PDB file of N, CA and C in Angstrom:
ATOM      1  N   MET A   1      72.861  92.520  98.041  1.00  0.00           N
ATOM      2  CA  MET A   1      71.639  93.348  96.792  1.00  0.00           C
ATOM      3  C   MET A   1      71.700  92.947  95.408  1.00  0.00           C
ATOM      4  N   GLN A   2      70.318  92.690  94.950  1.00  0.00           N
ATOM      5  CA  GLN A   2      70.899  91.862  93.438  1.00  0.00           C
ATOM      6  C   GLN A   2      69.946  92.651  93.126  1.00  0.00           C
ATOM      7  N   VAL A   3      70.221  92.754  91.270  1.00  0.00           N
ATOM      8  CA  VAL A   3      69.190  93.539  90.213  1.00  0.00           C
ATOM      9  C   VAL A   3      69.001  92.589  89.483  1.00  0.00           C
ATOM     10  N   GLN A   4      68.049  92.444  88.992  1.00  0.00           N
ATOM     11  CA  GLN A   4      67.710  91.189  88.006  1.00  0.00           C
ATOM     12  C   GLN A   4      66.840  91.816  86.561  1.00  0.00           C
ATOM     13  N   ASP A   5      67.175  91.354  85.610  1.00  0.00           N
ATOM     14  CA  ASP A   5      66.146  91.797  84.286  1.00  0.00           C
ATOM     15  C   ASP A   5      65.372  90.299  83.673  1.00  0.00           C
ATOM     16  N   THR A   6      65.140  90.708  82.989  1.00  0.00           N
ATOM     17  CA  THR A   6      64.217  89.901  82.329  1.00  0.00           C
ATOM     18  C   THR A   6      64.505  89.806  80.499  1.00  0.00           C
ATOM     19  N   GLY A   7      65.773  89.917  80.275  1.00  0.00           N
ATOM     20  CA  GLY A   7      66.290  90.671  79.249  1.00  0.00           C
ATOM     21  C   GLY A   7      66.573  89.550  78.484  1.00  0.00           C
ATOM     22  N   ASP A   8      67.645  89.655  77.601  1.00  0.00           N
ATOM     23  CA  ASP A   8      68.394  88.557  76.384  1.00  0.00           C
ATOM     24  C   ASP A   8      69.455  87.799  77.072  1.00  0.00           C
ATOM     25  N   GLY A   9      69.763  88.847  78.153  1.00  0.00           N
ATOM     26  CA  GLY A   9      71.033  87.505  78.956  1.00  0.00           C
ATOM     27  C   GLY A   9      72.122  87.697  78.653  1.00  0.00           C
ATOM     28  N   ILE A  10      74.010  87.263  78.679  1.00  0.00           N
ATOM     29  CA  ILE A  10      74.590  87.519  78.235  1.00  0.00           C
ATOM     30  C   ILE A  10      75.502  86.527  77.967  1.00  0.00           C
ATOM     31  N   ALA A  11      75.330  86.254  76.957  1.00  0.00           N
ATOM     32  CA  ALA A  11      76.429  84.971  75.810  1.00  0.00           C
ATOM     33  C   ALA A  11      77.715  84.284  76.876  1.00  0.00           C
ATOM     34  N   PRO A  12      77.392  83.060  77.129  1.00  0.00           N
ATOM     35  CA  PRO A  12      79.094  82.612  77.685  1.00  0.00           C
ATOM     36  C   PRO A  12      80.029  82.684  77.527  1.00  0.00           C
ATOM     37  N   ASP A  13      80.550  83.303  75.973  1.00  0.00           N
ATOM     38  CA  ASP A  13      81.957  83.889  76.363  1.00  0.00           C
ATOM     39  C   ASP A  13      81.976  85.065  76.072  1.00  0.00           C
ATOM     40  N   GLN A  14      80.861  86.349  76.322  1.00  0.00           N
ATOM     41  CA  GLN A  14      80.950  87.451  76.907  1.00  0.00           C
ATOM     42  C   GLN A  14      81.467  87.307  78.508  1.00  0.00           C
ATOM     43  N   LEU A  15      80.307  86.704  79.402  1.00  0.00           N
ATOM     44  CA  LEU A  15      80.408  86.395  80.739  1.00  0.00           C
ATOM     45  C   LEU A  15      81.290  85.681  80.723  1.00  0.00           C
ATOM     46  N   ALA A  16      82.238  85.015  80.320  1.00  0.00           N
ATOM     47  CA  ALA A  16      83.512  84.604  80.495  1.00  0.00           C
ATOM     48  C   ALA A  16      84.647  85.900  80.230  1.00  0.00           C
ATOM     49  N   TYR A  17      84.123  86.938  79.693  1.00  0.00           N
ATOM     50  CA  TYR A  17      85.210  87.811  79.752  1.00  0.00           C
ATOM     51  C   TYR A  17      84.745  89.066  80.294  1.00  0.00           C
ATOM     52  N   LEU A  18      83.947  89.355  80.933  1.00  0.00           N
ATOM     53  CA  LEU A  18      83.660  89.962  82.177  1.00  0.00           C
ATOM     54  C   LEU A  18      84.449  89.666  83.131  1.00  0.00           C
ATOM     55  N   GLN A  19      84.246  88.137  83.572  1.00  0.00           N
ATOM     56  CA  GLN A  19      84.786  87.578  84.505  1.00  0.00           C
ATOM     57  C   GLN A  19      86.269  87.861  84.795  1.00  0.00           C
ATOM     58  N   GLN A  20      86.611  87.620  83.435  1.00  0.00           N
ATOM     59  CA  GLN A  20      88.348  88.542  83.003  1.00  0.00           C
ATOM     60  C   GLN A  20      88.690  89.748  83.675  1.00  0.00           C
ATOM     61  N   VAL A  21      87.558  90.095  82.932  1.00  0.00           N
ATOM     62  CA  VAL A  21      88.624  91.790  83.355  1.00  0.00           C
ATOM     63  C   VAL A  21      87.754  92.226  84.750  1.00  0.00           C
ATOM     64  N   PHE A  22      86.557  91.694  85.105  1.00  0.00           N
ATOM     65  CA  PHE A  22      86.684  91.905  86.294  1.00  0.00           C
ATOM     66  C   PHE A  22      87.380  91.628  88.128  1.00  0.00           C
ATOM     67  N   SER A  23      88.145  90.063  87.518  1.00  0.00           N
ATOM     68  CA  SER A  23      89.055  88.918  88.078  1.00  0.00           C
ATOM     69  C   SER A  23      90.684  90.061  88.136  1.00  0.00           C
ATOM     70  N   GLY A  24      90.609  91.194  87.278  1.00  0.00           N
ATOM     71  CA  GLY A  24      92.285  91.850  86.797  1.00  0.00           C
ATOM     72  C   GLY A  24      93.240  90.580  86.039  1.00  0.00           C
ATOM     73  N   LYS A  25      92.803  90.003  85.264  1.00  0.00           N
ATOM     74  CA  LYS A  25      93.012  89.235  84.559  1.00  0.00           C
ATOM     75  C   LYS A  25      93.317  89.731  82.755  1.00  0.00           C
ATOM     76  N   ARG A  26      92.455  90.558  82.417  1.00  0.00           N
ATOM     77  CA  ARG A  26      92.380  91.325  81.576  1.00  0.00           C
ATOM     78  C   ARG A  26      91.731  92.548  81.884  1.00  0.00           C
ATOM     79  N   ARG A  27      92.516  93.044  80.349  1.00  0.00           N
ATOM     80  CA  ARG A  27      92.218  94.839  80.295  1.00  0.00           C
ATOM     81  C   ARG A  27      90.644  94.863  79.366  1.00  0.00           C
ATOM     82  N   PRO A  28      90.008  96.097  80.137  1.00  0.00           N
ATOM     83  CA  PRO A  28      88.525  96.024  79.375  1.00  0.00           C
ATOM     84  C   PRO A  28      88.870  96.206  78.103  1.00  0.00           C
ATOM     85  N   GLN A  29      88.612  95.932  77.221  1.00  0.00           N
ATOM     86  CA  GLN A  29      88.021  96.887  76.047  1.00  0.00           C
ATOM     87  C   GLN A  29      86.610  96.783  75.593  1.00  0.00           C
ATOM     88  N   VAL A  30      86.723  98.646  76.170  1.00  0.00           N
ATOM     89  CA  VAL A  30      84.771  99.472  75.898  1.00  0.00           C
ATOM     90  C   VAL A  30      84.491  99.160  74.792  1.00  0.00           C
ATOM     91  N   GLY A  31      83.273  98.180  74.231  1.00  0.00           N
ATOM     92  CA  GLY A  31      83.008  98.530  73.062  1.00  0.00           C
ATOM     93  C   GLY A  31      82.962  96.870  72.715  1.00  0.00           C
ATOM     94  N   THR A  32      83.859  96.437  72.919  1.00  0.00           N
ATOM     95  CA  THR A  32      83.933  94.843  72.111  1.00  0.00           C
ATOM     96  C   THR A  32      83.381  93.657  73.446  1.00  0.00           C
ATOM     97  N   HIS A  33      83.190  93.296  72.832  1.00  0.00           N
ATOM     98  CA  HIS A  33      82.308  91.982  73.305  1.00  0.00           C
ATOM     99  C   HIS A  33      81.263  92.405  74.212  1.00  0.00           C
ATOM    100  N   GLY A  34      80.934  93.150  74.147  1.00  0.00           N
ATOM    101  CA  GLY A  34      79.360  94.012  74.392  1.00  0.00           C
ATOM    102  C   GLY A  34      79.917  94.736  75.787  1.00  0.00           C
ATOM    103  N   LEU A  35      80.815  94.390  76.253  1.00  0.00           N
ATOM    104  CA  LEU A  35      81.074  95.278  77.417  1.00  0.00           C
ATOM    105  C   LEU A  35      81.118  96.770  77.920  1.00  0.00           C
ATOM    106  N   GLY A  36      80.264  96.996  78.536  1.00  0.00           N
ATOM    107  CA  GLY A  36      80.147  99.144  77.547  1.00  0.00           C
ATOM    108  C   GLY A  36      80.421  99.616  79.315  1.00  0.00           C
ATOM    109  N   LEU A  37      80.864 100.821  79.031  1.00  0.00           N
ATOM    110  CA  LEU A  37      82.206 101.780  79.585  1.00  0.00           C
ATOM    111  C   LEU A  37      80.941 101.655  81.239  1.00  0.00           C
ATOM    112  N   GLY A  38      80.024 101.958  81.298  1.00  0.00           N
ATOM    113  CA  GLY A  38      78.986 101.845  82.290  1.00  0.00           C
ATOM    114  C   GLY A  38      79.259 100.258  83.528  1.00  0.00           C
ATOM    115  N   LEU A  39      79.255  99.444  83.127  1.00  0.00           N
ATOM    116  CA  LEU A  39      79.723  97.534  83.827  1.00  0.00           C
ATOM    117  C   LEU A  39      81.728  98.355  84.577  1.00  0.00           C
ATOM    118  N   VAL A  40      82.185  98.968  83.465  1.00  0.00           N
ATOM    119  CA  VAL A  40      83.923  98.937  83.971  1.00  0.00           C
ATOM    120  C   VAL A  40      84.017  99.992  85.123  1.00  0.00           C
ATOM    121  N   LEU A  41      82.656 100.538  85.078  1.00  0.00           N
ATOM    122  CA  LEU A  41      82.636 102.054  86.121  1.00  0.00           C
ATOM    123  C   LEU A  41      82.337 101.632  87.436  1.00  0.00           C
ATOM    124  N   ILE A  42      80.308 100.868  87.364  1.00  0.00           N
ATOM    125  CA  ILE A  42      80.167 100.412  88.165  1.00  0.00           C
ATOM    126  C   ILE A  42      81.190  98.894  89.090  1.00  0.00           C
ATOM    127  N   ASN A  43      82.423  98.368  88.334  1.00  0.00           N
ATOM    128  CA  ASN A  43      83.265  97.380  88.774  1.00  0.00           C
ATOM    129  C   ASN A  43      84.096  98.350  89.558  1.00  0.00           C
ATOM    130  N   ASP A  44      84.410  99.460  89.466  1.00  0.00           N
ATOM    131  CA  ASP A  44      85.678 100.171  89.708  1.00  0.00           C
ATOM    132  C   ASP A  44      85.041 100.863  91.065  1.00  0.00           C
ATOM    133  N   PHE A  45      83.602 101.093  91.139  1.00  0.00           N
ATOM    134  CA  PHE A  45      83.192 101.386  92.151  1.00  0.00           C
ATOM    135  C   PHE A  45      82.984 100.976  93.393  1.00  0.00           C
ATOM    136  N   ALA A  46      82.021  99.722  92.882  1.00  0.00           N
ATOM    137  CA  ALA A  46      82.428  98.486  93.793  1.00  0.00           C
ATOM    138  C   ALA A  46      83.243  97.996  94.698  1.00  0.00           C
ATOM    139  N   ARG A  47      84.502  98.009  94.232  1.00  0.00           N
ATOM    140  CA  ARG A  47      86.302  97.398  94.543  1.00  0.00           C
ATOM    141  C   ARG A  47      86.460  98.666  95.379  1.00  0.00           C
ATOM    142  N   ARG A  48      86.104 100.013  94.706  1.00  0.00           N
ATOM    143  CA  ARG A  48      86.807 100.817  95.635  1.00  0.00           C
ATOM    144  C   ARG A  48      85.689 101.113  96.846  1.00  0.00           C
ATOM    145  N   ASN A  49      84.576 100.788  96.715  1.00  0.00           N
ATOM    146  CA  ASN A  49      84.194 100.851  98.111  1.00  0.00           C
ATOM    147  C   ASN A  49      83.488  99.358  99.251  1.00  0.00           C
ATOM    148  N   GLY A  50      84.947  98.306  98.857  1.00  0.00           N
ATOM    149  CA  GLY A  50      84.802  97.328  99.467  1.00  0.00           C
ATOM    150  C   GLY A  50      84.042  96.351  98.785  1.00  0.00           C
ATOM    151  N   ALA A  51      82.970  96.154  98.168  1.00  0.00           N
ATOM    152  CA  ALA A  51      82.269  95.170  97.709  1.00  0.00           C
ATOM    153  C   ALA A  51      82.978  94.360  96.111  1.00  0.00           C
ATOM    154  N   THR A  52      82.503  93.536  95.745  1.00  0.00           N
ATOM    155  CA  THR A  52      82.171  92.969  94.562  1.00  0.00           C
ATOM    156  C   THR A  52      80.776  92.486  93.897  1.00  0.00           C
ATOM    157  N   LEU A  53      81.196  92.165  92.351  1.00  0.00           N
ATOM    158  CA  LEU A  53      80.236  92.083  91.649  1.00  0.00           C
ATOM    159  C   LEU A  53      79.917  90.387  91.078  1.00  0.00           C
ATOM    160  N   ARG A  54      79.090  90.019  91.326  1.00  0.00           N
ATOM    161  CA  ARG A  54      79.233  88.532  90.460  1.00  0.00           C
ATOM    162  C   ARG A  54      78.018  88.702  89.685  1.00  0.00           C
ATOM    163  N   PHE A  55      77.795  88.014  88.599  1.00  0.00           N
ATOM    164  CA  PHE A  55      77.015  87.794  87.304  1.00  0.00           C
ATOM    165  C   PHE A  55      76.216  86.530  87.279  1.00  0.00           C
ATOM    166  N   ASN A  56      75.225  86.203  86.973  1.00  0.00           N
ATOM    167  CA  ASN A  56      74.719  84.682  86.893  1.00  0.00           C
ATOM    168  C   ASN A  56      73.510  85.513  85.750  1.00  0.00           C
ATOM    169  N   SER A  57      74.302  84.980  84.421  1.00  0.00           N
ATOM    170  CA  SER A  57      73.500  84.803  83.017  1.00  0.00           C
ATOM    171  C   SER A  57      72.787  83.488  82.655  1.00  0.00           C
ATOM    172  N   GLN A  58      71.658  83.351  81.978  1.00  0.00           N
ATOM    173  CA  GLN A  58      71.028  82.212  80.887  1.00  0.00           C
ATOM    174  C   GLN A  58      70.686  82.888  79.676  1.00  0.00           C
ATOM    175  N   PRO A  59      71.542  82.902  78.305  1.00  0.00           N
ATOM    176  CA  PRO A  59      71.271  83.599  77.669  1.00  0.00           C
ATOM    177  C   PRO A  59      69.404  83.140  77.387  1.00  0.00           C
ATOM    178  N   GLY A  60      68.484  84.367  76.631  1.00  0.00           N
ATOM    179  CA  GLY A  60      67.131  84.233  76.731  1.00  0.00           C
ATOM    180  C   GLY A  60      66.096  84.343  78.285  1.00  0.00           C
ATOM    181  N   GLN A  61      67.204  84.800  79.236  1.00  0.00           N
ATOM    182  CA  GLN A  61      66.325  84.457  80.397  1.00  0.00           C
ATOM    183  C   GLN A  61      66.463  85.800  81.443  1.00  0.00           C
ATOM    184  N   GLY A  62      67.389  86.066  81.322  1.00  0.00           N
ATOM    185  CA  GLY A  62      67.830  87.598  81.536  1.00  0.00           C
ATOM    186  C   GLY A  62      69.328  87.342  82.038  1.00  0.00           C
ATOM    187  N   THR A  63      69.639  88.069  83.498  1.00  0.00           N
ATOM    188  CA  THR A  63      70.715  88.210  84.067  1.00  0.00           C
ATOM    189  C   THR A  63      70.372  88.872  85.676  1.00  0.00           C
ATOM    190  N   THR A  64      71.383  88.143  86.540  1.00  0.00           N
ATOM    191  CA  THR A  64      71.129  88.957  87.976  1.00  0.00           C
ATOM    192  C   THR A  64      72.509  89.276  88.259  1.00  0.00           C
ATOM    193  N   VAL A  65      72.460  90.315  88.950  1.00  0.00           N
ATOM    194  CA  VAL A  65      74.064  90.969  89.106  1.00  0.00           C
ATOM    195  C   VAL A  65      73.656  91.314  90.162  1.00  0.00           C
ATOM    196  N   SER A  66      74.694  90.469  91.342  1.00  0.00           N
ATOM    197  CA  SER A  66      74.829  90.837  93.104  1.00  0.00           C
ATOM    198  C   SER A  66      75.991  91.184  93.086  1.00  0.00           C
ATOM    199  N   VAL A  67      75.643  92.033  94.318  1.00  0.00           N
ATOM    200  CA  VAL A  67      76.690  92.825  94.949  1.00  0.00           C
ATOM    201  C   VAL A  67      77.000  92.577  96.418  1.00  0.00           C
ATOM    202  N   LEU A  68      78.164  92.272  96.856  1.00  0.00           N
ATOM    203  CA  LEU A  68      78.514  91.372  97.920  1.00  0.00           C
ATOM    204  C   LEU A  68      79.493  92.598  98.703  1.00  0.00           C
ATOM    205  N   CYS A  69      78.863  92.785  99.638  1.00  0.00           N
ATOM    206  CA  CYS A  69      79.554  93.575 100.739  1.00  0.00           C
ATOM    207  C   CYS A  69      80.957  92.952 101.163  1.00  0.00           C
ATOM    208  N   ARG A  70      81.994  93.565 101.296  1.00  0.00           N
ATOM    209  CA  ARG A  70      82.593  92.921 102.718  1.00  0.00           C
ATOM    210  C   ARG A  70      82.698  93.158 103.554  1.00  0.00           C
ATOM    211  N   LYS A  71      82.858  92.660 105.006  1.00  0.00           N
ATOM    212  CA  LYS A  71      82.338  93.322 106.038  1.00  0.00           C
ATOM    213  C   LYS A  71      84.024  93.815 107.015  1.00  0.00           C
TER     214      LYS A  71
END
């Protein structure tokens, strides 16, 4: 499943931060680097249900979030 928007996109440094948080290499700092509580909760919910979130984003072009389910 994918969700896509046509917003501002996520800056490369913020995208790298998200990847570190979601891979468990860094603790989330809500409000820092633009990471909101909603993304932390969605990622936790996805993991608890056997799924993984993937982000693809280009500044000025929007963001696509993919939910990858393990079989």
